[in-house]
C-alpha cells in the first residue's frame, strides 16, 4: 500500500490503531502494532474497492511516510 499510515497506541485498552488519512474514515485496530497494520491493509483495499464500485474518486497516494 502506498498510502501513509499513522499508527498509535490506545491507552484505554492497550490496543493499536492504524489510520489512512488520505482515505476518510479508513482505520483499523489490532492487539499488536503488526495486527493493526495488517488489518488496515485489508480495510484500505475494501475502501478503495467500494469507492470504485460506487463510481467515487480514489485519492492518489501522496507518497509520504509509510508509518508515522
PDB file of N, CA and C in Angstrom:
ATOM      1  N   UNK A   1       0.856  -1.176   0.000  1.00  0.00           N
ATOM      2  CA  UNK A   1       0.000   0.000   0.000  1.00  0.00           C
ATOM      3  C   UNK A   1       0.895   1.229   0.000  1.00  0.00           C
ATOM      4  N   UNK A   2       0.558   2.183  -0.836  1.00  0.00           N
ATOM      5  CA  UNK A   2       1.387   3.374  -0.986  1.00  0.00           C
ATOM      6  C   UNK A   2       0.871   4.563  -0.194  1.00  0.00           C
ATOM      7  N   UNK A   3      -0.201   4.365   0.544  1.00  0.00           N
ATOM      8  CA  UNK A   3      -0.759   5.448   1.337  1.00  0.00           C
ATOM      9  C   UNK A   3      -0.040   5.548   2.679  1.00  0.00           C
ATOM     10  N   UNK A   4       0.018   6.761   3.197  1.00  0.00           N
ATOM     11  CA  UNK A   4       0.588   6.988   4.517  1.00  0.00           C
ATOM     12  C   UNK A   4      -0.304   6.324   5.564  1.00  0.00           C
ATOM     13  N   UNK A   5       0.320   5.677   6.535  1.00  0.00           N
ATOM     14  CA  UNK A   5      -0.403   5.043   7.638  1.00  0.00           C
ATOM     15  C   UNK A   5       0.097   5.647   8.938  1.00  0.00           C
ATOM     16  N   UNK A   6      -0.822   6.092   9.769  1.00  0.00           N
ATOM     17  CA  UNK A   6      -0.478   6.595  11.087  1.00  0.00           C
ATOM     18  C   UNK A   6      -0.859   5.516  12.093  1.00  0.00           C
ATOM     19  N   UNK A   7       0.093   5.122  12.898  1.00  0.00           N
ATOM     20  CA  UNK A   7      -0.099   4.056  13.873  1.00  0.00           C
ATOM     21  C   UNK A   7       0.077   4.640  15.263  1.00  0.00           C
ATOM     22  N   UNK A   8      -0.889   4.374  16.135  1.00  0.00           N
ATOM     23  CA  UNK A   8      -0.744   4.843  17.505  1.00  0.00           C
ATOM     24  C   UNK A   8      -1.377   3.848  18.461  1.00  0.00           C
ATOM     25  N   UNK A   9      -0.912   3.904  19.705  1.00  0.00           N
ATOM     26  CA  UNK A   9      -1.430   3.010  20.734  1.00  0.00           C
ATOM     27  C   UNK A   9      -2.601   3.634  21.451  1.00  0.00           C
ATOM     28  N   UNK A  10      -3.520   2.802  21.869  1.00  0.00           N
ATOM     29  CA  UNK A  10      -4.683   3.246  22.632  1.00  0.00           C
ATOM     30  C   UNK A  10      -4.394   3.023  24.109  1.00  0.00           C
ATOM     31  N   UNK A  11      -4.315   4.107  24.864  1.00  0.00           N
ATOM     32  CA  UNK A  11      -4.073   3.981  26.302  1.00  0.00           C
ATOM     33  C   UNK A  11      -5.243   3.313  27.015  1.00  0.00           C
ATOM     34  N   UNK A  12      -6.426   3.487  26.455  1.00  0.00           N
ATOM     35  CA  UNK A  12      -7.637   2.971  27.086  1.00  0.00           C
ATOM     36  C   UNK A  12      -7.634   1.446  27.194  1.00  0.00           C
ATOM     37  N   UNK A  13      -7.271   0.758  26.098  1.00  0.00           N
ATOM     38  CA  UNK A  13      -7.339  -0.705  26.114  1.00  0.00           C
ATOM     39  C   UNK A  13      -6.037  -1.391  25.718  1.00  0.00           C
ATOM     40  N   UNK A  14      -4.970  -0.617  25.464  1.00  0.00           N
ATOM     41  CA  UNK A  14      -3.682  -1.195  25.124  1.00  0.00           C
ATOM     42  C   UNK A  14      -3.575  -1.711  23.703  1.00  0.00           C
ATOM     43  N   UNK A  15      -4.598  -1.519  22.902  1.00  0.00           N
ATOM     44  CA  UNK A  15      -4.575  -1.964  21.506  1.00  0.00           C
ATOM     45  C   UNK A  15      -3.865  -0.909  20.653  1.00  0.00           C
ATOM     46  N   UNK A  16      -3.702  -1.220  19.392  1.00  0.00           N
ATOM     47  CA  UNK A  16      -3.102  -0.290  18.443  1.00  0.00           C
ATOM     48  C   UNK A  16      -4.129   0.077  17.384  1.00  0.00           C
ATOM     49  N   UNK A  17      -4.021   1.302  16.887  1.00  0.00           N
ATOM     50  CA  UNK A  17      -4.929   1.796  15.870  1.00  0.00           C
ATOM     51  C   UNK A  17      -4.092   2.295  14.692  1.00  0.00           C
ATOM     52  N   UNK A  18      -4.464   1.898  13.496  1.00  0.00           N
ATOM     53  CA  UNK A  18      -3.796   2.344  12.279  1.00  0.00           C
ATOM     54  C   UNK A  18      -4.818   3.100  11.441  1.00  0.00           C
ATOM     55  N   UNK A  19      -4.418   4.265  10.964  1.00  0.00           N
ATOM     56  CA  UNK A  19      -5.315   5.124  10.191  1.00  0.00           C
ATOM     57  C   UNK A  19      -4.657   5.512   8.868  1.00  0.00           C
ATOM     58  N   UNK A  20      -5.472   5.586   7.814  1.00  0.00           N
ATOM     59  CA  UNK A  20      -5.004   6.042   6.499  1.00  0.00           C
ATOM     60  C   UNK A  20      -5.675   7.391   6.254  1.00  0.00           C
ATOM     61  N   UNK A  21      -4.986   8.494   6.572  1.00  0.00           N
ATOM     62  CA  UNK A  21      -5.621   9.818   6.489  1.00  0.00           C
ATOM     63  C   UNK A  21      -6.144  10.197   5.110  1.00  0.00           C
ATOM     64  N   UNK A  22      -5.527   9.695   4.060  1.00  0.00           N
ATOM     65  CA  UNK A  22      -5.958  10.056   2.710  1.00  0.00           C
ATOM     66  C   UNK A  22      -7.259   9.373   2.292  1.00  0.00           C
ATOM     67  N   UNK A  23      -7.659   8.347   3.042  1.00  0.00           N
ATOM     68  CA  UNK A  23      -8.921   7.645   2.771  1.00  0.00           C
ATOM     69  C   UNK A  23      -9.841   7.908   3.967  1.00  0.00           C
ATOM     70  N   UNK A  24     -10.689   8.901   3.875  1.00  0.00           N
ATOM     71  CA  UNK A  24     -11.508   9.315   5.015  1.00  0.00           C
ATOM     72  C   UNK A  24     -12.247   8.153   5.693  1.00  0.00           C
ATOM     73  N   UNK A  25     -12.064   8.073   6.999  1.00  0.00           N
ATOM     74  CA  UNK A  25     -12.737   7.043   7.784  1.00  0.00           C
ATOM     75  C   UNK A  25     -12.055   5.691   7.739  1.00  0.00           C
ATOM     76  N   UNK A  26     -10.925   5.584   7.050  1.00  0.00           N
ATOM     77  CA  UNK A  26     -10.241   4.291   6.904  1.00  0.00           C
ATOM     78  C   UNK A  26      -9.290   4.079   8.068  1.00  0.00           C
ATOM     79  N   UNK A  27      -9.666   3.175   8.959  1.00  0.00           N
ATOM     80  CA  UNK A  27      -8.824   2.842  10.097  1.00  0.00           C
ATOM     81  C   UNK A  27      -9.149   1.442  10.579  1.00  0.00           C
ATOM     82  N   UNK A  28      -8.213   0.873  11.304  1.00  0.00           N
ATOM     83  CA  UNK A  28      -8.402  -0.467  11.849  1.00  0.00           C
ATOM     84  C   UNK A  28      -7.615  -0.563  13.151  1.00  0.00           C
ATOM     85  N   UNK A  29      -7.958  -1.558  13.939  1.00  0.00           N
ATOM     86  CA  UNK A  29      -7.222  -1.755  15.191  1.00  0.00           C
ATOM     87  C   UNK A  29      -6.683  -3.176  15.249  1.00  0.00           C
ATOM     88  N   UNK A  30      -5.886  -3.425  16.270  1.00  0.00           N
ATOM     89  CA  UNK A  30      -5.335  -4.752  16.468  1.00  0.00           C
ATOM     90  C   UNK A  30      -4.692  -4.842  17.839  1.00  0.00           C
ATOM     91  N   UNK A  31      -4.514  -6.056  18.318  1.00  0.00           N
ATOM     92  CA  UNK A  31      -3.910  -6.275  19.630  1.00  0.00           C
ATOM     93  C   UNK A  31      -2.435  -5.877  19.636  1.00  0.00           C
ATOM     94  N   UNK A  32      -1.790  -5.957  18.477  1.00  0.00           N
ATOM     95  CA  UNK A  32      -0.387  -5.555  18.334  1.00  0.00           C
ATOM     96  C   UNK A  32      -0.285  -4.558  17.183  1.00  0.00           C
ATOM     97  N   UNK A  33       0.856  -3.887  17.097  1.00  0.00           N
ATOM     98  CA  UNK A  33       1.065  -2.950  16.000  1.00  0.00           C
ATOM     99  C   UNK A  33       0.998  -3.689  14.661  1.00  0.00           C
ATOM    100  N   UNK A  34       1.600  -4.872  14.608  1.00  0.00           N
ATOM    101  CA  UNK A  34       1.588  -5.660  13.373  1.00  0.00           C
ATOM    102  C   UNK A  34       0.159  -6.026  12.972  1.00  0.00           C
ATOM    103  N   UNK A  35      -0.650  -6.436  13.938  1.00  0.00           N
ATOM    104  CA  UNK A  35      -2.054  -6.771  13.652  1.00  0.00           C
ATOM    105  C   UNK A  35      -2.804  -5.565  13.090  1.00  0.00           C
ATOM    106  N   UNK A  36      -2.599  -4.401  13.716  1.00  0.00           N
ATOM    107  CA  UNK A  36      -3.297  -3.195  13.263  1.00  0.00           C
ATOM    108  C   UNK A  36      -2.894  -2.841  11.833  1.00  0.00           C
ATOM    109  N   UNK A  37      -1.606  -2.979  11.521  1.00  0.00           N
ATOM    110  CA  UNK A  37      -1.133  -2.670  10.171  1.00  0.00           C
ATOM    111  C   UNK A  37      -1.684  -3.659   9.147  1.00  0.00           C
ATOM    112  N   UNK A  38      -1.722  -4.933   9.502  1.00  0.00           N
ATOM    113  CA  UNK A  38      -2.296  -5.932   8.597  1.00  0.00           C
ATOM    114  C   UNK A  38      -3.780  -5.670   8.380  1.00  0.00           C
ATOM    115  N   UNK A  39      -4.478  -5.336   9.457  1.00  0.00           N
ATOM    116  CA  UNK A  39      -5.918  -5.083   9.358  1.00  0.00           C
ATOM    117  C   UNK A  39      -6.219  -3.847   8.521  1.00  0.00           C
ATOM    118  N   UNK A  40      -5.405  -2.801   8.655  1.00  0.00           N
ATOM    119  CA  UNK A  40      -5.678  -1.583   7.892  1.00  0.00           C
ATOM    120  C   UNK A  40      -5.391  -1.796   6.402  1.00  0.00           C
ATOM    121  N   UNK A  41      -4.496  -2.703   6.067  1.00  0.00           N
ATOM    122  CA  UNK A  41      -4.272  -3.036   4.648  1.00  0.00           C
ATOM    123  C   UNK A  41      -5.558  -3.601   4.035  1.00  0.00           C
ATOM    124  N   UNK A  42      -6.216  -4.489   4.773  1.00  0.00           N
ATOM    125  CA  UNK A  42      -7.463  -5.101   4.304  1.00  0.00           C
ATOM    126  C   UNK A  42      -8.560  -4.044   4.193  1.00  0.00           C
ATOM    127  N   UNK A  43      -8.685  -3.226   5.222  1.00  0.00           N
ATOM    128  CA  UNK A  43      -9.731  -2.200   5.235  1.00  0.00           C
ATOM    129  C   UNK A  43      -9.503  -1.184   4.112  1.00  0.00           C
ATOM    130  N   UNK A  44      -8.251  -0.799   3.866  1.00  0.00           N
ATOM    131  CA  UNK A  44      -7.957   0.153   2.785  1.00  0.00           C
ATOM    132  C   UNK A  44      -8.324  -0.438   1.423  1.00  0.00           C
ATOM    133  N   UNK A  45      -8.006  -1.705   1.219  1.00  0.00           N
ATOM    134  CA  UNK A  45      -8.363  -2.360  -0.049  1.00  0.00           C
ATOM    135  C   UNK A  45      -9.878  -2.377  -0.225  1.00  0.00           C
ATOM    136  N   UNK A  46     -10.601  -2.652   0.850  1.00  0.00           N
ATOM    137  CA  UNK A  46     -12.069  -2.652   0.787  1.00  0.00           C
ATOM    138  C   UNK A  46     -12.606  -1.239   0.557  1.00  0.00           C
ATOM    139  N   UNK A  47     -11.969  -0.243   1.181  1.00  0.00           N
ATOM    140  CA  UNK A  47     -12.371   1.157   0.994  1.00  0.00           C
ATOM    141  C   UNK A  47     -12.261   1.515  -0.476  1.00  0.00           C
ATOM    142  N   UNK A  48     -11.117   1.191  -1.083  1.00  0.00           N
ATOM    143  CA  UNK A  48     -10.883   1.507  -2.494  1.00  0.00           C
ATOM    144  C   UNK A  48     -11.859   0.739  -3.381  1.00  0.00           C
ATOM    145  N   UNK A  49     -12.058  -0.524  -3.099  1.00  0.00           N
ATOM    146  CA  UNK A  49     -12.991  -1.347  -3.888  1.00  0.00           C
ATOM    147  C   UNK A  49     -14.401  -0.764  -3.841  1.00  0.00           C
ATOM    148  N   UNK A  50     -14.831  -0.346  -2.679  1.00  0.00           N
ATOM    149  CA  UNK A  50     -16.166   0.236  -2.527  1.00  0.00           C
ATOM    150  C   UNK A  50     -16.276   1.555  -3.280  1.00  0.00           C
ATOM    151  N   UNK A  51     -15.256   2.400  -3.149  1.00  0.00           N
ATOM    152  CA  UNK A  51     -15.273   3.687  -3.856  1.00  0.00           C
ATOM    153  C   UNK A  51     -15.363   3.478  -5.363  1.00  0.00           C
ATOM    154  N   UNK A  52     -14.583   2.552  -5.893  1.00  0.00           N
ATOM    155  CA  UNK A  52     -14.600   2.268  -7.330  1.00  0.00           C
ATOM    156  C   UNK A  52     -15.979   1.762  -7.755  1.00  0.00           C
ATOM    157  N   UNK A  53     -16.557   0.850  -6.967  1.00  0.00           N
ATOM    158  CA  UNK A  53     -17.860   0.278  -7.333  1.00  0.00           C
ATOM    159  C   UNK A  53     -18.973   1.328  -7.303  1.00  0.00           C
ATOM    160  N   UNK A  54     -18.790   2.365  -6.486  1.00  0.00           N
ATOM    161  CA  UNK A  54     -19.785   3.435  -6.411  1.00  0.00           C
ATOM    162  C   UNK A  54     -19.483   4.586  -7.366  1.00  0.00           C
ATOM    163  N   UNK A  55     -18.394   4.452  -8.119  1.00  0.00           N
ATOM    164  CA  UNK A  55     -18.021   5.496  -9.057  1.00  0.00           C
ATOM    165  C   UNK A  55     -17.423   6.721  -8.405  1.00  0.00           C
ATOM    166  N   UNK A  56     -16.900   6.570  -7.200  1.00  0.00           N
ATOM    167  CA  UNK A  56     -16.306   7.699  -6.486  1.00  0.00           C
ATOM    168  C   UNK A  56     -14.809   7.768  -6.766  1.00  0.00           C
ATOM    169  N   UNK A  57     -14.269   8.949  -6.603  1.00  0.00           N
ATOM    170  CA  UNK A  57     -12.850   9.168  -6.839  1.00  0.00           C
ATOM    171  C   UNK A  57     -12.011   8.535  -5.723  1.00  0.00           C
ATOM    172  N   UNK A  58     -10.944   7.876  -6.121  1.00  0.00           N
ATOM    173  CA  UNK A  58      -9.995   7.312  -5.168  1.00  0.00           C
ATOM    174  C   UNK A  58      -8.778   8.231  -5.150  1.00  0.00           C
ATOM    175  N   UNK A  59      -8.437   8.781  -3.983  1.00  0.00           N
ATOM    176  CA  UNK A  59      -7.290   9.691  -3.913  1.00  0.00           C
ATOM    177  C   UNK A  59      -5.996   9.014  -4.362  1.00  0.00           C
ATOM    178  N   UNK A  60      -5.176   9.769  -5.055  1.00  0.00           N
ATOM    179  CA  UNK A  60      -3.863   9.284  -5.461  1.00  0.00           C
ATOM    180  C   UNK A  60      -2.950   9.379  -4.241  1.00  0.00           C
ATOM    181  N   UNK A  61      -2.189   8.314  -3.936  1.00  0.00           N
ATOM    182  CA  UNK A  61      -1.283   8.383  -2.781  1.00  0.00           C
ATOM    183  C   UNK A  61      -0.279   9.525  -2.955  1.00  0.00           C
ATOM    184  N   UNK A  62      -0.029  10.233  -1.888  1.00  0.00           N
ATOM    185  CA  UNK A  62       0.913  11.342  -1.940  1.00  0.00           C
ATOM    186  C   UNK A  62       2.347  10.886  -1.726  1.00  0.00           C
ATOM    187  N   UNK A  63       2.528   9.627  -1.367  1.00  0.00           N
ATOM    188  CA  UNK A  63       3.854   9.067  -1.258  1.00  0.00           C
ATOM    189  C   UNK A  63       4.682   9.589  -0.104  1.00  0.00           C
ATOM    190  N   UNK A  64       4.037   9.923   0.976  1.00  0.00           N
ATOM    191  CA  UNK A  64       4.774  10.388   2.147  1.00  0.00           C
ATOM    192  C   UNK A  64       5.258   9.190   2.947  1.00  0.00           C
ATOM    193  N   UNK A  65       5.326   9.335   4.233  1.00  0.00           N
ATOM    194  CA  UNK A  65       5.806   8.269   5.100  1.00  0.00           C
ATOM    195  C   UNK A  65       4.944   7.014   5.002  1.00  0.00           C
ATOM    196  N   UNK A  66       5.558   5.858   5.150  1.00  0.00           N
ATOM    197  CA  UNK A  66       4.797   4.613   5.210  1.00  0.00           C
ATOM    198  C   UNK A  66       4.177   4.461   6.585  1.00  0.00           C
ATOM    199  N   UNK A  67       4.914   4.798   7.629  1.00  0.00           N
ATOM    200  CA  UNK A  67       4.420   4.732   9.005  1.00  0.00           C
ATOM    201  C   UNK A  67       4.778   6.020   9.713  1.00  0.00           C
ATOM    202  N   UNK A  68       3.904   6.450  10.590  1.00  0.00           N
ATOM    203  CA  UNK A  68       4.210   7.633  11.399  1.00  0.00           C
ATOM    204  C   UNK A  68       3.883   7.324  12.843  1.00  0.00           C
TER     205      UNK A  68
END
